[in-house]
Structure formats: C-alpha cells, structure tokens
Amino acid sequence: MNEFKGALAGLAVRVKNGGVAALAVTRGWAKKPGMLIAAGVGVILVVGLISTLVHANSLTGQLVAETGKFDRAIATLDSRTVELATVTGDLRAAEGREAKVAATEADQNLRSAKLDARETAVQGAEDVAAANTIPGSGTFRVGIDVQPGQYHSEGGSSCYWSRMNAAGDDTIDNYIGSGPAVLTVQPSDGLIKTSRCAPFTKSG
C-alpha cells in the first residue's frame, strides 16, 4: 500500500485531446507494471469523476437558472392574476352601478307615467267641470261654450241671465233677481248671456 501511495505521488499527468499520458515514473515502477496500470486507471477515474462533477455543476447552474425563470414566470402570473381580479371587481362594481341607474330610471319613468296619468285625469275633470259650468258674467255660444241642460247658481243681488237666438238680436227668455237662480238651456238656443251672477253649475 505504501508503494502504491508513493507511485501516485510520483506520477505526472498531462491531458491532451481528452486522453491521459504518463510522463515520468519514480524509480522502481518499470519493474512493477501492475502498479503502473493501477495508477493509470486511478488517474483516469479521478479525471472522469472531476469531469462528471464539472458537468453536474454545470447542470446544477442551468437548473438554478431555469428555476429562477420559472419563479419569475410564477411571480408575473400572480401579478397578472391580481390585476385580473382587480379589473373583474371594477367591472362588477360598474355593472352594479349600471343596474342601480337602470332601476332608478325605471322608477322615475313609472313615477312620471303615474304623474302624467294624474294630470290627464285632473285635466279631464277640469274639462268636464268647465263644460258643466257657465261663468257668472259673459256671453256664451250654445253647443260650443255651454251645453244644453239645467244649471243652478247661488245668484247675486241682481243676477241676470238671458237666452237669445244665434244672432243675439232676439231674447227668448230672461231673468233678473236676487238669491239662487235656475237657468235651463235649450238645444235651440243660440246664445246665453249672464251678468252679476255666481257661476252656474249643470245639474241635469
């Protein structure tokens, strides 16, 4: 064993074109070829081991680099996922606001429709009341301004009314007095004239 160690200590190695060559051997090796072969095999094994370790280190470096790339890709993906979640949240919030606006508009439209309906009803009632009312003073056309029928008024101190033909030059009937007054408009009347009376309201 000591001779083997001495042999290794005395071996100089040169690497050329991937091969191993023995340059010099200490004294006594020429007489011991078996030890020379064993030493050469040992050197070859050591060189192979070193080469394997170098290659392994290279692969380890590549693996570390690829792992770094993978980690960066994962980090980028996580960042994009967060951005996507933020955008999705903003979109859902916008959709919620749009739904609220649409609901508010629908409610406003409904209220507007109800208001229009009430205004139409009020206007209709006013039109009916106007059609069934004769002002206390004025001249009115039968069939246009007033309709035939019986009208009552609270009258006045000197309430006056007259039924006339369409030309207004012939008085068919008239009245003047205080207190309540009754006026019956006939379809054949042309004009109705009132003065100093409370409004006449149709009663029949």
Protein backbone atom coordinates (compact mmCIF):
# COMPACT_ATOMS: atom_id res chain seq x y z
CA MET A 1 0.00 0.00 0.00
CA ASN A 2 2.83 2.41 0.81
CA GLU A 3 4.40 1.63 -2.53
CA PHE A 4 1.06 2.47 -4.27
CA LYS A 5 0.88 5.83 -2.50
CA GLY A 6 4.44 6.56 -3.49
CA ALA A 7 3.62 5.70 -7.06
CA LEU A 8 0.72 8.13 -7.12
CA ALA A 9 2.91 10.84 -5.60
CA GLY A 10 5.46 10.36 -8.35
CA LEU A 11 3.06 10.38 -11.34
CA ALA A 12 2.88 13.48 -13.57
CA VAL A 13 -0.21 13.68 -15.81
CA ARG A 14 -0.84 15.62 -18.99
CA VAL A 15 -4.29 15.84 -20.59
CA LYS A 16 -4.12 16.01 -24.36
CA ASN A 17 -7.07 15.61 -26.75
CA GLY A 18 -9.11 14.09 -23.93
CA GLY A 19 -6.52 11.40 -23.16
CA VAL A 20 -4.13 10.76 -20.26
CA ALA A 21 -0.36 10.21 -20.75
CA ALA A 22 2.19 9.28 -18.13
CA LEU A 23 5.31 11.41 -18.42
CA ALA A 24 7.59 10.08 -15.70
CA VAL A 25 7.62 7.37 -13.14
CA THR A 26 9.67 7.16 -9.97
CA ARG A 27 12.30 4.50 -9.65
CA GLY A 28 11.13 1.00 -9.31
CA TRP A 29 7.93 1.39 -11.45
CA ALA A 30 9.44 -0.07 -14.57
CA LYS A 31 9.88 -3.29 -12.62
CA LYS A 32 6.19 -3.16 -11.39
CA PRO A 33 3.89 -2.77 -14.42
CA GLY A 34 0.80 -3.84 -12.46
CA MET A 35 1.08 -0.87 -10.12
CA LEU A 36 1.63 1.43 -13.11
CA ILE A 37 -1.60 0.20 -14.69
CA ALA A 38 -3.48 0.57 -11.42
CA ALA A 39 -2.20 4.11 -11.01
CA GLY A 40 -3.20 4.97 -14.58
CA VAL A 41 -6.68 3.59 -14.02
CA GLY A 42 -6.95 5.56 -10.80
CA VAL A 43 -5.94 8.76 -12.59
CA ILE A 44 -8.49 8.09 -15.34
CA LEU A 45 -11.17 7.51 -12.72
CA VAL A 46 -10.26 10.73 -10.92
CA VAL A 47 -10.32 12.72 -14.15
CA GLY A 48 -13.66 11.15 -15.08
CA LEU A 49 -15.00 11.97 -11.65
CA ILE A 50 -13.81 15.57 -11.94
CA SER A 51 -15.39 15.82 -15.39
CA THR A 52 -18.61 14.39 -14.04
CA LEU A 53 -18.60 16.85 -11.15
CA VAL A 54 -17.94 19.76 -13.53
CA HIS A 55 -20.80 18.62 -15.76
CA ALA A 56 -23.01 18.15 -12.70
CA ASN A 57 -22.16 21.67 -11.52
CA SER A 58 -22.99 22.97 -14.99
CA LEU A 59 -26.33 21.18 -14.92
CA THR A 60 -26.94 22.49 -11.42
CA GLY A 61 -26.30 26.04 -12.64
CA GLN A 62 -28.68 25.54 -15.55
CA LEU A 63 -31.27 24.12 -13.20
CA VAL A 64 -30.89 27.10 -10.88
CA ALA A 65 -31.22 29.49 -13.84
CA GLU A 66 -34.32 27.70 -15.13
CA THR A 67 -35.75 27.64 -11.61
CA GLY A 68 -35.22 31.40 -11.41
CA LYS A 69 -37.01 31.85 -14.73
CA PHE A 70 -39.83 29.67 -13.51
CA ASP A 71 -40.09 31.64 -10.26
CA ARG A 72 -40.18 34.90 -12.19
CA ALA A 73 -42.86 33.50 -14.50
CA ILE A 74 -44.91 32.44 -11.47
CA ALA A 75 -44.48 35.91 -9.93
CA THR A 76 -45.59 37.53 -13.21
CA LEU A 77 -48.58 35.19 -13.37
CA ASP A 78 -49.50 36.06 -9.79
CA SER A 79 -49.26 39.77 -10.63
CA ARG A 80 -51.46 39.31 -13.71
CA THR A 81 -53.93 37.31 -11.62
CA VAL A 82 -54.16 40.15 -9.10
CA GLU A 83 -54.63 42.68 -11.93
CA LEU A 84 -57.33 40.49 -13.46
CA ALA A 85 -59.10 40.19 -10.12
CA THR A 86 -58.96 43.98 -9.73
CA VAL A 87 -60.34 44.56 -13.22
CA THR A 88 -63.05 41.96 -12.64
CA GLY A 89 -64.01 43.64 -9.37
CA ASP A 90 -64.15 47.04 -11.06
CA LEU A 91 -66.29 45.59 -13.86
CA ARG A 92 -68.71 44.01 -11.42
CA ALA A 93 -68.91 47.28 -9.47
CA ALA A 94 -69.64 49.15 -12.71
CA GLU A 95 -72.32 46.61 -13.62
CA GLY A 96 -73.83 47.10 -10.16
CA ARG A 97 -73.88 50.87 -10.64
CA GLU A 98 -75.44 50.48 -14.09
CA ALA A 99 -78.12 48.21 -12.63
CA LYS A 100 -78.88 50.80 -9.93
CA VAL A 101 -79.06 53.56 -12.55
CA ALA A 102 -81.37 51.44 -14.70
CA ALA A 103 -83.58 50.71 -11.67
CA THR A 104 -83.67 54.41 -10.79
CA GLU A 105 -84.58 55.34 -14.36
CA ALA A 106 -87.31 52.70 -14.40
CA ASP A 107 -88.68 54.06 -11.11
CA GLN A 108 -88.57 57.62 -12.43
CA ASN A 109 -90.32 56.54 -15.63
CA LEU A 110 -93.02 54.81 -13.59
CA ARG A 111 -93.50 57.89 -11.41
CA SER A 112 -93.58 60.08 -14.49
CA ALA A 113 -96.21 57.85 -16.07
CA LYS A 114 -98.32 57.98 -12.89
CA LEU A 115 -97.94 61.76 -12.76
CA ASP A 116 -98.97 62.06 -16.41
CA ALA A 117 -101.98 59.86 -15.70
CA ARG A 118 -102.98 62.03 -12.72
CA GLU A 119 -102.51 65.20 -14.76
CA THR A 120 -104.63 63.71 -17.54
CA ALA A 121 -107.31 62.75 -15.04
CA VAL A 122 -107.23 66.21 -13.43
CA GLN A 123 -107.34 67.88 -16.81
CA GLY A 124 -110.25 65.65 -17.81
CA ALA A 125 -112.09 66.53 -14.60
CA GLU A 126 -111.37 70.21 -15.18
CA ASP A 127 -112.63 69.94 -18.74
CA VAL A 128 -115.80 68.22 -17.54
CA ALA A 129 -116.27 70.85 -14.85
CA ALA A 130 -115.69 73.63 -17.37
CA ALA A 131 -118.14 72.04 -19.79
CA ASN A 132 -120.73 71.85 -16.99
CA THR A 133 -120.17 75.39 -15.70
CA ILE A 134 -121.37 78.74 -17.02
CA PRO A 135 -119.43 81.78 -15.66
CA GLY A 136 -121.49 84.39 -13.82
CA SER A 137 -120.81 87.08 -16.39
CA GLY A 138 -120.36 86.79 -20.15
CA THR A 139 -121.89 85.73 -23.46
CA PHE A 140 -121.60 82.06 -24.48
CA ARG A 141 -122.45 80.02 -27.58
CA VAL A 142 -124.77 77.08 -27.05
CA GLY A 143 -123.25 73.78 -28.19
CA ILE A 144 -119.76 75.27 -28.17
CA ASP A 145 -119.18 77.19 -24.94
CA VAL A 146 -122.12 75.73 -23.00
CA GLN A 147 -124.18 72.61 -23.45
CA PRO A 148 -127.97 72.27 -23.19
CA GLY A 149 -129.27 71.34 -19.74
CA GLN A 150 -130.37 72.74 -16.41
CA TYR A 151 -127.95 74.93 -14.42
CA HIS A 152 -128.11 76.28 -10.87
CA SER A 153 -126.39 79.33 -9.39
CA GLU A 154 -126.29 80.90 -5.95
CA GLY A 155 -127.26 84.03 -7.81
CA GLY A 156 -126.48 87.50 -6.55
CA SER A 157 -128.11 90.80 -5.52
CA SER A 158 -129.10 91.47 -9.13
CA CYS A 159 -128.24 88.30 -11.04
CA TYR A 160 -129.28 88.45 -14.69
CA TRP A 161 -129.36 85.87 -17.44
CA SER A 162 -130.96 85.71 -20.88
CA ARG A 163 -131.45 83.11 -23.59
CA MET A 164 -131.07 84.51 -27.08
CA ASN A 165 -131.04 83.44 -30.71
CA ALA A 166 -127.74 82.86 -32.54
CA ALA A 167 -127.67 86.42 -33.90
CA GLY A 168 -128.21 87.88 -30.42
CA ASP A 169 -131.00 90.17 -31.62
CA ASP A 170 -133.89 88.20 -30.15
CA THR A 171 -134.36 87.37 -26.47
CA ILE A 172 -136.09 84.06 -25.95
CA ASP A 173 -136.25 84.28 -22.14
CA ASN A 174 -134.52 86.20 -19.37
CA TYR A 175 -134.36 86.63 -15.61
CA ILE A 176 -133.15 89.19 -13.05
CA GLY A 177 -133.32 88.83 -9.30
CA SER A 178 -131.51 88.12 -6.06
CA GLY A 179 -130.86 84.75 -4.43
CA PRO A 180 -130.44 81.38 -6.14
CA ALA A 181 -131.17 81.24 -9.87
CA VAL A 182 -132.03 78.41 -12.24
CA LEU A 183 -131.19 78.53 -15.96
CA THR A 184 -132.42 75.92 -18.44
CA VAL A 185 -130.52 75.97 -21.74
CA GLN A 186 -132.40 74.56 -24.72
CA PRO A 187 -130.75 72.93 -27.75
CA SER A 188 -132.48 75.52 -29.92
CA ASP A 189 -130.93 78.46 -28.04
CA GLY A 190 -128.15 80.33 -29.81
CA LEU A 191 -126.54 82.44 -27.07
CA ILE A 192 -126.60 82.59 -23.28
CA LYS A 193 -125.81 85.87 -21.54
CA THR A 194 -125.16 86.21 -17.78
CA SER A 195 -124.28 89.17 -15.59
CA ARG A 196 -123.52 89.70 -11.87
CA CYS A 197 -124.27 86.04 -11.00
CA ALA A 198 -122.34 83.34 -9.22
CA PRO A 199 -121.17 80.60 -11.62
CA PHE A 200 -123.91 78.31 -12.93
CA THR A 201 -123.29 74.57 -12.45
CA LYS A 202 -125.05 71.96 -14.57
CA SER A 203 -127.35 69.76 -12.54
CA GLY A 204 -129.26 67.91 -15.20
